[in-house]
Amino acid sequence: MKIKDINGKIRKILSIKKIIHQIEDSRTGETVNKEFIEVIIDGKMRQWKEWYPLDDFKKFNPDLTII
């Protein structure tokens, strides 16, 4: 499967899943849940994980449905 990363580059991926990270809001100090997409990218020399904010990922990959 291939995706377009948030820099506009086409990447071959091995897996994709939606995850939730708890992030501290810098203004209020409260912990909020934020959705991210975690992908394992299959590069030329190695494989690695990348995390993209869900809204940014949807903007670059509107045809993909993430469950």
Protein backbone atom coordinates (compact mmCIF):
# COMPACT_ATOMS: atom_id res chain seq x y z
CA MET A 1 0.00 0.00 0.00
CA LYS A 2 1.20 3.54 -0.67
CA ILE A 3 0.37 6.82 1.05
CA LYS A 4 1.33 10.44 0.63
CA ASP A 5 3.11 11.73 3.75
CA ILE A 6 2.51 15.25 5.09
CA ASN A 7 5.50 16.50 3.08
CA GLY A 8 3.89 15.29 -0.15
CA LYS A 9 6.21 12.33 -0.71
CA ILE A 10 4.76 8.97 -1.77
CA ARG A 11 5.72 6.25 0.73
CA LYS A 12 5.29 2.47 0.66
CA ILE A 13 3.90 1.28 3.99
CA LEU A 14 3.69 -2.11 5.67
CA SER A 15 1.02 -1.30 8.27
CA ILE A 16 -1.29 1.50 9.29
CA LYS A 17 -3.37 2.05 12.44
CA LYS A 18 -5.09 4.82 14.35
CA ILE A 19 -3.77 5.49 17.84
CA ILE A 20 -4.50 7.97 20.62
CA HIS A 21 -1.79 9.86 22.48
CA GLN A 22 -2.37 11.80 25.65
CA ILE A 23 -0.82 15.23 25.20
CA GLU A 24 -0.55 18.06 27.69
CA ASP A 25 -2.18 21.28 26.50
CA SER A 26 0.47 23.98 26.87
CA ARG A 27 -2.07 26.72 27.66
CA THR A 28 -4.24 24.98 30.23
CA GLY A 29 -1.94 22.23 31.49
CA GLU A 30 -4.73 19.67 31.00
CA THR A 31 -4.11 16.31 29.37
CA VAL A 32 -6.07 15.84 26.14
CA ASN A 33 -6.44 12.84 23.86
CA LYS A 34 -5.28 13.44 20.28
CA GLU A 35 -5.68 10.98 17.41
CA PHE A 36 -2.69 10.04 15.27
CA ILE A 37 -2.01 7.64 12.42
CA GLU A 38 0.92 5.28 12.98
CA VAL A 39 2.49 3.76 9.88
CA ILE A 40 5.48 1.53 9.30
CA ILE A 41 7.31 2.82 6.24
CA ASP A 42 9.25 0.45 4.00
CA GLY A 43 12.21 2.50 2.79
CA LYS A 44 15.06 1.59 0.46
CA MET A 45 17.49 0.62 3.23
CA ARG A 46 15.33 0.14 6.33
CA GLN A 47 11.88 0.28 7.91
CA TRP A 48 10.70 2.85 10.44
CA LYS A 49 7.60 4.16 12.23
CA GLU A 50 6.06 7.55 11.57
CA TRP A 51 3.19 9.27 13.34
CA TYR A 52 0.96 11.80 11.62
CA PRO A 53 -1.84 13.87 13.19
CA LEU A 54 -5.10 12.36 11.94
CA ASP A 55 -6.43 15.58 10.38
CA ASP A 56 -3.21 16.21 8.43
CA PHE A 57 -3.09 12.61 7.24
CA LYS A 58 -6.71 12.76 6.00
CA LYS A 59 -5.94 15.96 4.09
CA PHE A 60 -3.14 14.25 2.10
CA ASN A 61 -4.88 10.86 1.77
CA PRO A 62 -8.61 11.62 1.35
CA ASP A 63 -9.35 8.31 -0.42
CA LEU A 64 -8.13 6.14 2.48
CA THR A 65 -10.58 5.00 5.13
CA ILE A 66 -9.08 4.61 8.60
CA ILE A 67 -11.02 2.57 11.14
